[in-house]
N, C-alpha and C. Protein backbone atom coordinates (compact mmCIF):
# COMPACT_ATOMS: atom_id res chain seq x y z
N MET A 1 -59.13 181.07 -115.79
CA MET A 1 -59.21 179.77 -114.89
C MET A 1 -59.82 179.16 -116.01
N ILE A 2 -60.10 178.58 -116.30
CA ILE A 2 -61.09 177.16 -117.21
C ILE A 2 -62.17 177.38 -116.07
N ASP A 3 -63.20 177.17 -116.70
CA ASP A 3 -64.90 177.77 -115.86
C ASP A 3 -64.88 175.94 -115.03
N LEU A 4 -65.64 175.75 -114.18
CA LEU A 4 -66.03 173.98 -113.10
C LEU A 4 -66.88 173.42 -114.64
N THR A 5 -67.79 174.35 -115.34
CA THR A 5 -68.68 173.96 -116.78
C THR A 5 -67.60 173.38 -117.36
N GLU A 6 -66.69 174.04 -117.80
CA GLU A 6 -66.23 173.88 -119.23
C GLU A 6 -65.00 172.37 -118.49
N LYS A 7 -64.22 172.15 -117.32
CA LYS A 7 -64.02 171.53 -117.17
C LYS A 7 -64.78 169.80 -117.11
N GLY A 8 -66.31 170.79 -116.65
CA GLY A 8 -67.31 169.03 -116.43
C GLY A 8 -67.36 168.54 -117.60
N ASP A 9 -67.54 169.61 -118.15
CA ASP A 9 -67.61 169.24 -120.58
C ASP A 9 -67.33 168.58 -121.06
N ARG A 10 -65.75 168.67 -120.95
CA ARG A 10 -64.53 168.20 -121.14
C ARG A 10 -64.65 167.01 -120.29
N PHE A 11 -64.34 166.93 -119.07
CA PHE A 11 -65.02 165.77 -119.05
C PHE A 11 -65.75 164.42 -119.33
N PHE A 12 -67.42 165.04 -119.05
CA PHE A 12 -68.42 164.00 -119.88
C PHE A 12 -68.11 164.31 -121.76
N ILE A 13 -67.49 164.66 -122.09
CA ILE A 13 -67.01 164.47 -123.42
C ILE A 13 -65.91 163.82 -123.94
N GLY A 14 -64.98 163.48 -123.21
CA GLY A 14 -63.83 163.03 -122.84
C GLY A 14 -64.46 161.54 -122.40
N GLU A 15 -65.33 162.00 -120.90
CA GLU A 15 -66.02 159.81 -120.98
C GLU A 15 -67.17 159.70 -122.33
N GLU A 16 -67.80 160.61 -122.57
CA GLU A 16 -68.33 160.47 -123.59
C GLU A 16 -67.40 159.43 -125.31
N ARG A 17 -67.00 160.28 -125.03
CA ARG A 17 -65.73 159.80 -126.65
C ARG A 17 -65.28 157.80 -125.96
N ARG A 18 -64.43 158.53 -124.75
CA ARG A 18 -64.29 156.97 -123.84
C ARG A 18 -65.45 156.09 -124.00
N LEU A 19 -66.93 156.79 -124.24
CA LEU A 19 -68.17 155.14 -123.72
C LEU A 19 -67.91 155.01 -125.73
N ARG A 20 -67.72 155.97 -126.50
CA ARG A 20 -67.80 154.70 -127.35
C ARG A 20 -67.02 154.04 -128.13
N VAL A 21 -65.91 154.70 -127.61
CA VAL A 21 -64.47 154.16 -128.05
C VAL A 21 -64.64 152.20 -127.09
N GLU A 22 -65.11 152.78 -126.09
CA GLU A 22 -65.49 150.64 -126.03
C GLU A 22 -66.97 150.48 -126.40
N ASP A 23 -67.23 151.19 -126.81
CA ASP A 23 -69.20 150.57 -127.21
C ASP A 23 -68.47 150.41 -128.35
N LYS A 24 -67.29 150.78 -129.35
CA LYS A 24 -66.62 150.14 -130.45
C LYS A 24 -66.18 149.11 -129.77
N ILE A 25 -65.43 148.93 -128.99
CA ILE A 25 -64.68 147.75 -129.06
C ILE A 25 -65.60 146.90 -129.17
N ALA A 26 -66.60 146.99 -128.18
CA ALA A 26 -67.72 145.56 -127.45
C ALA A 26 -68.36 145.27 -129.05
N GLU A 27 -69.01 146.81 -129.60
CA GLU A 27 -69.27 145.87 -130.39
C GLU A 27 -68.89 144.76 -131.91
N GLU A 28 -66.78 145.45 -131.48
CA GLU A 28 -66.15 144.62 -132.48
C GLU A 28 -66.27 143.36 -132.30
N ILE A 29 -66.07 143.86 -130.22
CA ILE A 29 -65.37 141.79 -130.08
C ILE A 29 -67.21 140.79 -130.25
N LYS A 30 -67.54 141.52 -130.34
CA LYS A 30 -69.49 140.84 -130.37
C LYS A 30 -69.25 140.20 -131.35
N ARG A 31 -68.71 141.60 -132.92
CA ARG A 31 -69.05 141.17 -134.24
C ARG A 31 -67.90 139.76 -134.46
N HIS A 32 -66.89 139.56 -133.65
CA HIS A 32 -66.19 138.97 -133.42
C HIS A 32 -65.91 137.15 -132.61
N PHE A 33 -67.13 137.64 -131.66
CA PHE A 33 -67.83 136.28 -131.37
C PHE A 33 -68.74 135.62 -131.83
N ASP A 34 -69.44 136.67 -133.10
CA ASP A 34 -70.22 136.20 -133.50
C ASP A 34 -70.04 134.78 -134.82
N VAL A 35 -68.47 136.10 -135.51
CA VAL A 35 -68.26 135.06 -136.22
C VAL A 35 -67.67 134.21 -135.82
N VAL A 36 -66.40 134.25 -134.63
CA VAL A 36 -66.13 133.19 -133.88
C VAL A 36 -67.61 132.01 -133.65
N ALA A 37 -68.62 131.84 -133.06
CA ALA A 37 -69.59 131.06 -132.57
C ALA A 37 -69.80 131.05 -134.15
N GLU A 38 -70.22 131.22 -134.99
CA GLU A 38 -70.76 130.85 -136.42
C GLU A 38 -69.57 130.00 -137.16
N ASP A 39 -68.54 129.79 -137.15
CA ASP A 39 -68.01 129.39 -137.31
C ASP A 39 -67.50 127.85 -136.17
N LEU A 40 -67.70 128.10 -135.31
CA LEU A 40 -67.98 126.75 -133.81
C LEU A 40 -69.09 126.66 -135.04
N LYS A 41 -70.09 126.73 -134.22
CA LYS A 41 -71.28 126.08 -135.17
C LYS A 41 -71.49 124.94 -136.63
N ASP A 42 -70.24 125.97 -137.46
CA ASP A 42 -70.48 124.92 -138.09
C ASP A 42 -69.56 124.28 -138.22
N GLU A 43 -68.42 123.68 -137.42
CA GLU A 43 -67.25 123.02 -137.18
C GLU A 43 -68.49 122.21 -136.49
N ILE A 44 -69.25 122.23 -135.75
CA ILE A 44 -69.48 121.25 -134.47
C ILE A 44 -70.68 120.64 -135.78
N LYS A 45 -71.44 121.27 -136.60
CA LYS A 45 -72.05 120.49 -137.93
C LYS A 45 -71.04 119.66 -137.94
N LEU A 46 -69.75 120.15 -138.75
CA LEU A 46 -68.81 118.72 -139.62
C LEU A 46 -68.65 117.70 -138.39
N VAL A 47 -68.32 117.78 -137.14
CA VAL A 47 -68.31 117.13 -136.49
C VAL A 47 -69.23 116.25 -136.61
N ALA A 48 -70.63 116.79 -136.42
CA ALA A 48 -71.79 116.06 -135.41
C ALA A 48 -72.26 115.15 -137.55
N GLU A 49 -72.09 115.47 -138.81
CA GLU A 49 -71.74 115.42 -139.67
C GLU A 49 -71.55 114.14 -139.98
N GLY A 50 -69.95 114.14 -139.10
CA GLY A 50 -69.14 113.11 -139.17
C GLY A 50 -69.35 111.50 -138.39
N TYR A 51 -69.73 112.06 -137.22
CA TYR A 51 -70.17 111.64 -136.40
C TYR A 51 -71.31 110.34 -137.28
N SER A 52 -72.12 111.06 -137.46
CA SER A 52 -73.48 110.93 -138.52
C SER A 52 -72.50 109.71 -139.28
N LEU A 53 -71.99 109.92 -139.78
CA LEU A 53 -71.69 109.30 -141.09
C LEU A 53 -70.52 108.47 -140.67
N LEU A 54 -70.18 107.89 -139.71
CA LEU A 54 -68.89 107.04 -138.62
C LEU A 54 -70.20 106.19 -137.84
N SER A 55 -71.16 107.10 -137.38
CA SER A 55 -72.21 106.10 -136.62
C SER A 55 -73.28 104.49 -137.96
N GLU A 56 -73.71 105.73 -139.47
CA GLU A 56 -73.77 104.50 -140.12
C GLU A 56 -72.48 103.43 -140.55
N LYS A 57 -71.40 103.99 -140.58
CA LYS A 57 -70.46 103.34 -140.77
C LYS A 57 -70.36 102.31 -140.27
N ILE A 58 -69.94 102.03 -139.28
CA ILE A 58 -70.44 101.33 -137.73
C ILE A 58 -71.71 100.42 -137.97
N ASP A 59 -72.38 101.32 -138.24
CA ASP A 59 -73.97 100.16 -137.96
C ASP A 59 -73.67 99.11 -139.12
N GLY A 60 -73.32 99.95 -140.74
CA GLY A 60 -73.13 99.39 -141.30
C GLY A 60 -71.85 97.86 -141.32
N LEU A 61 -71.41 98.12 -140.91
CA LEU A 61 -69.74 97.03 -140.12
C LEU A 61 -70.83 96.39 -139.34
N ARG A 62 -71.22 96.48 -138.23
CA ARG A 62 -71.70 95.76 -138.29
C ARG A 62 -73.12 94.87 -138.22
N LYS A 63 -73.87 95.49 -139.15
CA LYS A 63 -74.57 93.95 -139.77
C LYS A 63 -73.75 93.25 -140.74
N GLU A 64 -72.67 93.85 -141.34
CA GLU A 64 -71.46 92.66 -142.15
C GLU A 64 -71.08 91.73 -141.26
N ASN A 65 -71.09 92.45 -139.86
CA ASN A 65 -70.21 91.00 -138.90
C ASN A 65 -71.09 90.26 -138.79
N ALA A 66 -72.65 90.66 -138.12
CA ALA A 66 -73.33 89.91 -137.83
C ALA A 66 -73.43 88.80 -138.97
N GLU A 67 -73.88 89.28 -139.97
CA GLU A 67 -73.76 88.09 -141.43
C GLU A 67 -72.90 87.27 -141.41
N GLU A 68 -71.43 87.85 -141.55
CA GLU A 68 -70.99 86.79 -141.33
C GLU A 68 -70.52 86.08 -140.65
N HIS A 69 -71.00 86.46 -139.24
CA HIS A 69 -71.09 85.35 -137.79
C HIS A 69 -71.86 84.25 -137.81
N ALA A 70 -73.23 84.87 -138.75
CA ALA A 70 -74.01 83.97 -139.21
C ALA A 70 -73.71 83.52 -140.18
N THR A 71 -73.02 83.41 -141.07
CA THR A 71 -72.86 82.71 -142.08
C THR A 71 -71.84 81.56 -141.67
N LEU A 72 -70.71 81.97 -140.84
CA LEU A 72 -69.61 80.99 -140.60
C LEU A 72 -70.64 79.77 -139.24
N ASN A 73 -71.50 80.63 -139.03
CA ASN A 73 -72.12 80.20 -138.01
C ASN A 73 -72.50 78.18 -138.66
N LYS A 74 -73.11 78.92 -139.52
CA LYS A 74 -73.70 77.56 -140.32
C LYS A 74 -73.26 76.28 -141.06
N ARG A 75 -71.72 77.37 -141.60
CA ARG A 75 -70.86 76.61 -141.91
C ARG A 75 -70.46 75.59 -140.57
N ILE A 76 -70.03 76.35 -139.25
CA ILE A 76 -69.50 75.38 -138.38
C ILE A 76 -71.21 74.46 -138.65
N ASP A 77 -71.48 75.03 -138.21
CA ASP A 77 -73.00 74.10 -137.94
C ASP A 77 -73.01 72.69 -138.64
N GLY A 78 -72.74 73.05 -140.34
CA GLY A 78 -72.25 72.19 -141.16
C GLY A 78 -71.49 71.23 -140.98
N LEU A 79 -70.32 71.53 -141.10
CA LEU A 79 -69.17 70.47 -140.56
C LEU A 79 -69.06 69.77 -138.99
N ARG A 80 -69.90 70.68 -137.80
CA ARG A 80 -70.46 69.58 -137.39
C ARG A 80 -70.56 68.30 -137.36
N LYS A 81 -72.19 69.52 -138.09
CA LYS A 81 -72.77 67.87 -138.80
C LYS A 81 -72.81 66.95 -139.01
N GLU A 82 -71.85 67.06 -140.37
CA GLU A 82 -70.75 66.62 -140.91
C GLU A 82 -69.96 65.33 -140.21
N ASN A 83 -69.32 65.79 -139.40
CA ASN A 83 -68.26 65.18 -138.90
C ASN A 83 -68.85 64.19 -137.78
N ALA A 84 -70.04 64.63 -137.87
CA ALA A 84 -70.67 63.78 -136.22
C ALA A 84 -71.12 62.23 -137.27
N GLU A 85 -71.82 62.56 -138.51
CA GLU A 85 -72.50 61.71 -139.34
C GLU A 85 -70.66 60.66 -139.82
N GLU A 86 -69.79 61.45 -140.28
CA GLU A 86 -68.73 60.56 -140.91
C GLU A 86 -68.14 59.21 -139.15
N HIS A 87 -68.31 60.17 -138.23
CA HIS A 87 -67.64 59.74 -136.76
C HIS A 87 -68.75 58.41 -136.72
N ALA A 88 -70.28 58.77 -136.91
CA ALA A 88 -71.15 57.58 -136.56
C ALA A 88 -70.89 56.82 -138.42
N ILE A 89 -70.25 57.13 -139.37
CA ILE A 89 -69.78 55.92 -139.65
C ILE A 89 -69.22 54.89 -139.38
N LEU A 90 -67.29 55.78 -138.96
CA LEU A 90 -66.29 55.10 -138.66
C LEU A 90 -66.47 54.58 -137.06
N ASN A 91 -67.64 54.94 -136.45
CA ASN A 91 -67.72 53.73 -135.61
C ASN A 91 -69.11 52.25 -135.83
N LYS A 92 -69.53 52.82 -137.13
CA LYS A 92 -70.04 51.31 -137.52
C LYS A 92 -69.00 50.62 -138.10
N ARG A 93 -68.22 51.69 -138.93
CA ARG A 93 -66.67 50.20 -139.40
C ARG A 93 -66.22 50.18 -138.54
N ILE A 94 -65.99 50.23 -137.32
CA ILE A 94 -65.29 50.21 -136.30
C ILE A 94 -66.06 48.87 -135.10
N ASP A 95 -67.06 49.14 -135.22
CA ASP A 95 -67.86 48.41 -134.67
C ASP A 95 -67.81 47.51 -135.37
N GLY A 96 -68.40 47.08 -136.77
CA GLY A 96 -67.27 45.69 -137.93
C GLY A 96 -66.57 45.07 -137.72
N LEU A 97 -65.17 46.39 -137.80
CA LEU A 97 -64.14 45.29 -137.60
C LEU A 97 -63.56 44.56 -136.74
N ARG A 98 -64.53 44.79 -135.41
CA ARG A 98 -64.00 44.25 -134.83
C ARG A 98 -64.70 43.35 -134.19
N GLU A 99 -65.47 42.95 -135.04
CA GLU A 99 -67.11 41.71 -134.85
C GLU A 99 -65.92 40.48 -136.00
N GLU A 100 -65.73 41.35 -136.88
CA GLU A 100 -63.92 40.23 -138.25
C GLU A 100 -63.42 40.37 -136.69
N ASN A 101 -62.78 41.17 -136.66
CA ASN A 101 -61.64 40.78 -135.33
C ASN A 101 -61.91 39.69 -135.01
N ALA A 102 -62.87 40.02 -134.19
CA ALA A 102 -63.13 38.49 -133.41
C ALA A 102 -63.81 36.95 -133.87
N GLU A 103 -64.41 37.88 -134.86
CA GLU A 103 -64.83 36.31 -135.60
C GLU A 103 -63.32 35.42 -136.44
N GLU A 104 -62.54 36.06 -136.52
CA GLU A 104 -61.36 35.52 -136.75
C GLU A 104 -60.03 34.83 -135.65
N HIS A 105 -60.81 35.76 -134.37
CA HIS A 105 -60.34 34.75 -133.09
C HIS A 105 -60.75 34.46 -132.77
N ALA A 106 -61.64 33.82 -133.16
CA ALA A 106 -62.06 32.89 -132.97
C ALA A 106 -61.74 31.65 -133.30
N THR A 107 -62.10 31.83 -134.87
CA THR A 107 -61.88 30.23 -135.61
C THR A 107 -60.34 30.28 -135.60
N LEU A 108 -59.18 31.57 -134.83
CA LEU A 108 -57.46 30.73 -135.25
C LEU A 108 -57.59 29.95 -133.75
N ASN A 109 -58.89 30.93 -133.13
CA ASN A 109 -58.33 30.15 -131.37
C ASN A 109 -58.81 28.24 -131.58
N LYS A 110 -59.56 27.53 -132.34
CA LYS A 110 -60.76 26.73 -133.25
C LYS A 110 -58.65 26.14 -133.64
N ARG A 111 -58.82 26.35 -135.04
CA ARG A 111 -57.87 25.90 -135.58
C ARG A 111 -56.68 25.87 -134.16
N ILE A 112 -56.17 26.54 -133.87
CA ILE A 112 -54.82 26.02 -132.21
C ILE A 112 -55.16 25.17 -131.87
N ASP A 113 -56.36 25.12 -131.44
CA ASP A 113 -56.99 23.66 -130.63
C ASP A 113 -57.37 22.84 -131.13
N GLY A 114 -57.35 23.21 -132.57
CA GLY A 114 -57.21 21.78 -133.28
C GLY A 114 -55.64 21.09 -133.89
N LEU A 115 -55.20 22.31 -134.10
CA LEU A 115 -53.73 22.20 -133.66
C LEU A 115 -53.63 21.23 -132.93
N ARG A 116 -53.59 21.76 -131.29
CA ARG A 116 -52.73 21.27 -130.43
C ARG A 116 -53.39 19.34 -129.96
N LYS A 117 -54.32 19.17 -130.34
CA LYS A 117 -55.56 18.35 -130.51
C LYS A 117 -54.48 17.37 -131.45
N GLU A 118 -53.76 17.59 -133.25
CA GLU A 118 -53.85 16.42 -133.37
C GLU A 118 -51.90 16.29 -132.89
N ASN A 119 -51.12 17.49 -132.58
CA ASN A 119 -50.04 17.01 -131.90
C ASN A 119 -49.72 16.37 -130.69
N ALA A 120 -51.00 16.37 -129.64
CA ALA A 120 -51.08 15.68 -128.89
C ALA A 120 -50.81 14.41 -129.20
N GLU A 121 -51.95 14.09 -130.54
CA GLU A 121 -51.82 12.39 -130.96
C GLU A 121 -51.23 12.41 -131.54
N GLU A 122 -50.53 13.00 -132.49
CA GLU A 122 -49.12 12.45 -132.68
C GLU A 122 -48.12 12.12 -132.41
N HIS A 123 -47.57 13.59 -130.98
CA HIS A 123 -47.38 13.03 -130.14
C HIS A 123 -46.70 11.71 -129.53
N GLN A 124 -48.56 11.47 -128.67
CA GLN A 124 -48.67 9.89 -128.43
C GLN A 124 -48.59 8.92 -129.38
N GLU A 125 -48.63 9.16 -131.01
CA GLU A 125 -48.39 7.98 -132.17
C GLU A 125 -46.87 8.23 -132.20
N ILE A 126 -46.06 8.96 -131.50
CA ILE A 126 -44.34 8.78 -131.68
C ILE A 126 -44.50 7.81 -130.24
N LEU A 127 -44.37 8.47 -129.18
CA LEU A 127 -43.84 7.81 -128.89
C LEU A 127 -44.59 6.47 -128.79
N SER A 128 -45.59 6.38 -128.80
CA SER A 128 -45.86 4.46 -129.37
C SER A 128 -44.59 4.25 -130.27
N ALA A 129 -44.39 4.43 -130.54
CA ALA A 129 -44.06 4.01 -132.21
C ALA A 129 -42.71 3.65 -131.24
N VAL A 130 -41.61 4.63 -130.66
CA VAL A 130 -40.57 4.58 -130.15
C VAL A 130 -40.42 3.47 -129.00
N LYS A 131 -41.57 3.57 -128.67
CA LYS A 131 -41.21 2.31 -127.38
C LYS A 131 -41.39 0.84 -128.39
N PHE A 132 -42.49 1.32 -129.04
CA PHE A 132 -42.54 -0.26 -129.86
C PHE A 132 -40.73 -0.27 -130.49
N SER A 133 -39.90 0.83 -131.10
CA SER A 133 -39.09 0.23 -131.49
C SER A 133 -38.00 -0.20 -130.32
N TYR A 134 -38.12 1.05 -129.06
CA TYR A 134 -37.48 0.04 -128.34
C TYR A 134 -37.32 -0.99 -127.79
N ALA A 135 -38.71 -1.90 -127.76
CA ALA A 135 -39.21 -3.46 -127.38
C ALA A 135 -38.41 -3.87 -128.42
N GLU A 136 -38.86 -3.55 -129.74
CA GLU A 136 -37.80 -4.15 -130.74
C GLU A 136 -36.41 -4.25 -131.08
N LEU A 137 -36.37 -3.38 -130.06
CA LEU A 137 -34.56 -2.54 -130.22
C LEU A 137 -34.29 -3.78 -129.52
N ASP A 138 -35.07 -4.31 -128.03
CA ASP A 138 -34.38 -4.89 -126.81
C ASP A 138 -34.58 -6.32 -127.01
N HIS A 139 -35.84 -6.60 -127.47
CA HIS A 139 -35.74 -8.08 -128.57
C HIS A 139 -35.38 -8.34 -128.75
N ARG A 140 -34.37 -7.72 -130.89
CA ARG A 140 -33.71 -8.35 -131.50
C ARG A 140 -32.14 -8.19 -130.69
N ILE A 141 -31.83 -7.28 -129.54
CA ILE A 141 -30.80 -7.04 -129.26
C ILE A 141 -30.45 -8.34 -128.31
N VAL A 142 -31.42 -8.55 -127.27
CA VAL A 142 -31.31 -9.92 -127.05
C VAL A 142 -30.96 -11.03 -127.74
N ALA A 143 -31.85 -11.03 -128.76
CA ALA A 143 -32.09 -12.23 -129.89
C ALA A 143 -30.54 -12.54 -130.12
N LEU A 144 -29.46 -11.12 -130.45
CA LEU A 144 -28.78 -11.24 -130.91
C LEU A 144 -27.59 -12.31 -130.09
N GLU A 145 -27.61 -10.95 -128.52
CA GLU A 145 -26.63 -11.83 -127.46
C GLU A 145 -26.93 -13.49 -127.54
N GLU A 146 -27.85 -13.49 -127.29
CA GLU A 146 -28.33 -15.42 -127.89
C GLU A 146 -27.26 -16.04 -128.75
N LYS A 147 -26.92 -15.32 -130.28
CA LYS A 147 -26.48 -15.67 -131.07
C LYS A 147 -25.83 -15.97 -131.03
N PHE A 148 -25.27 -14.57 -130.24
CA PHE A 148 -23.15 -14.72 -130.37
C PHE A 148 -22.78 -16.04 -129.62
N ALA A 149 -23.79 -15.57 -127.98
CA ALA A 149 -23.45 -16.80 -127.25
C ALA A 149 -22.90 -18.01 -127.41
N SER A 150 -24.22 -17.95 -128.07
CA SER A 150 -24.42 -19.23 -128.88
C SER A 150 -23.13 -19.53 -129.92
N ILE A 151 -22.59 -18.39 -130.70
CA ILE A 151 -21.78 -18.27 -131.59
C ILE A 151 -20.01 -18.87 -130.82
N GLU A 152 -20.41 -18.18 -129.86
CA GLU A 152 -19.33 -18.13 -128.91
C GLU A 152 -18.73 -19.43 -128.15
N LYS A 153 -19.38 -20.01 -128.26
CA LYS A 153 -19.40 -21.48 -127.38
C LYS A 153 -19.56 -22.22 -128.43
N ARG A 154 -19.98 -21.98 -130.02
CA ARG A 154 -19.20 -22.74 -130.98
C ARG A 154 -18.22 -22.49 -131.17
N MET A 155 -17.77 -22.00 -131.15
CA MET A 155 -15.90 -21.51 -131.40
C MET A 155 -15.44 -21.73 -130.11
N SER A 156 -15.98 -21.81 -128.59
CA SER A 156 -14.99 -22.57 -127.98
C SER A 156 -14.45 -23.79 -127.86
N ARG A 157 -16.14 -24.38 -128.33
CA ARG A 157 -15.37 -26.33 -128.16
C ARG A 157 -15.04 -26.28 -129.69
N LEU A 158 -14.64 -25.83 -130.95
CA LEU A 158 -14.46 -25.79 -132.43
C LEU A 158 -12.99 -25.26 -131.70
N GLU A 159 -12.44 -24.35 -130.92
CA GLU A 159 -10.85 -24.52 -130.41
C GLU A 159 -10.58 -25.30 -129.87
N THR A 160 -11.29 -25.82 -128.79
CA THR A 160 -11.22 -27.37 -127.55
C THR A 160 -11.15 -28.93 -128.85
N ILE A 161 -12.09 -28.56 -129.39
CA ILE A 161 -10.63 -29.87 -130.42
C ILE A 161 -11.07 -30.14 -131.26
N ARG A 162 -9.53 -28.99 -131.42
CA ARG A 162 -8.54 -28.60 -132.40
C ARG A 162 -7.30 -28.69 -131.27
């Protein structure tokens, strides 16, 4: 039979081997972990650099956008100023046209009033002439009727004489 010491030695030798294998595995895992960690560090550095570049690019775009925004605001302010000036000019022109229109309206009203007055005077003259003509016609008709009556009397006398 195998002696207990021998068994114990074998056990320790096996245990020692197992520990060496575990140490090798642990060492391999550690080495692998270090490689993975190094790769992750490199990738994290790349991501950080990419982030930094994107941040710079975004800052540049923001600056460009702010400059364009300022330029557009200046243009808008200029257009508003031009619009206000043109609006003032148009208001002056409209006021001038209103004044001209009011003056022409007053002139036309005066002319219309004058024409109405002339028309009324001419109407009165025509009425007077018609009345005069009517009186004249009436006088002539009366005179003609008298002459006709006189002629009839003469004809009647002539007929009675014959």
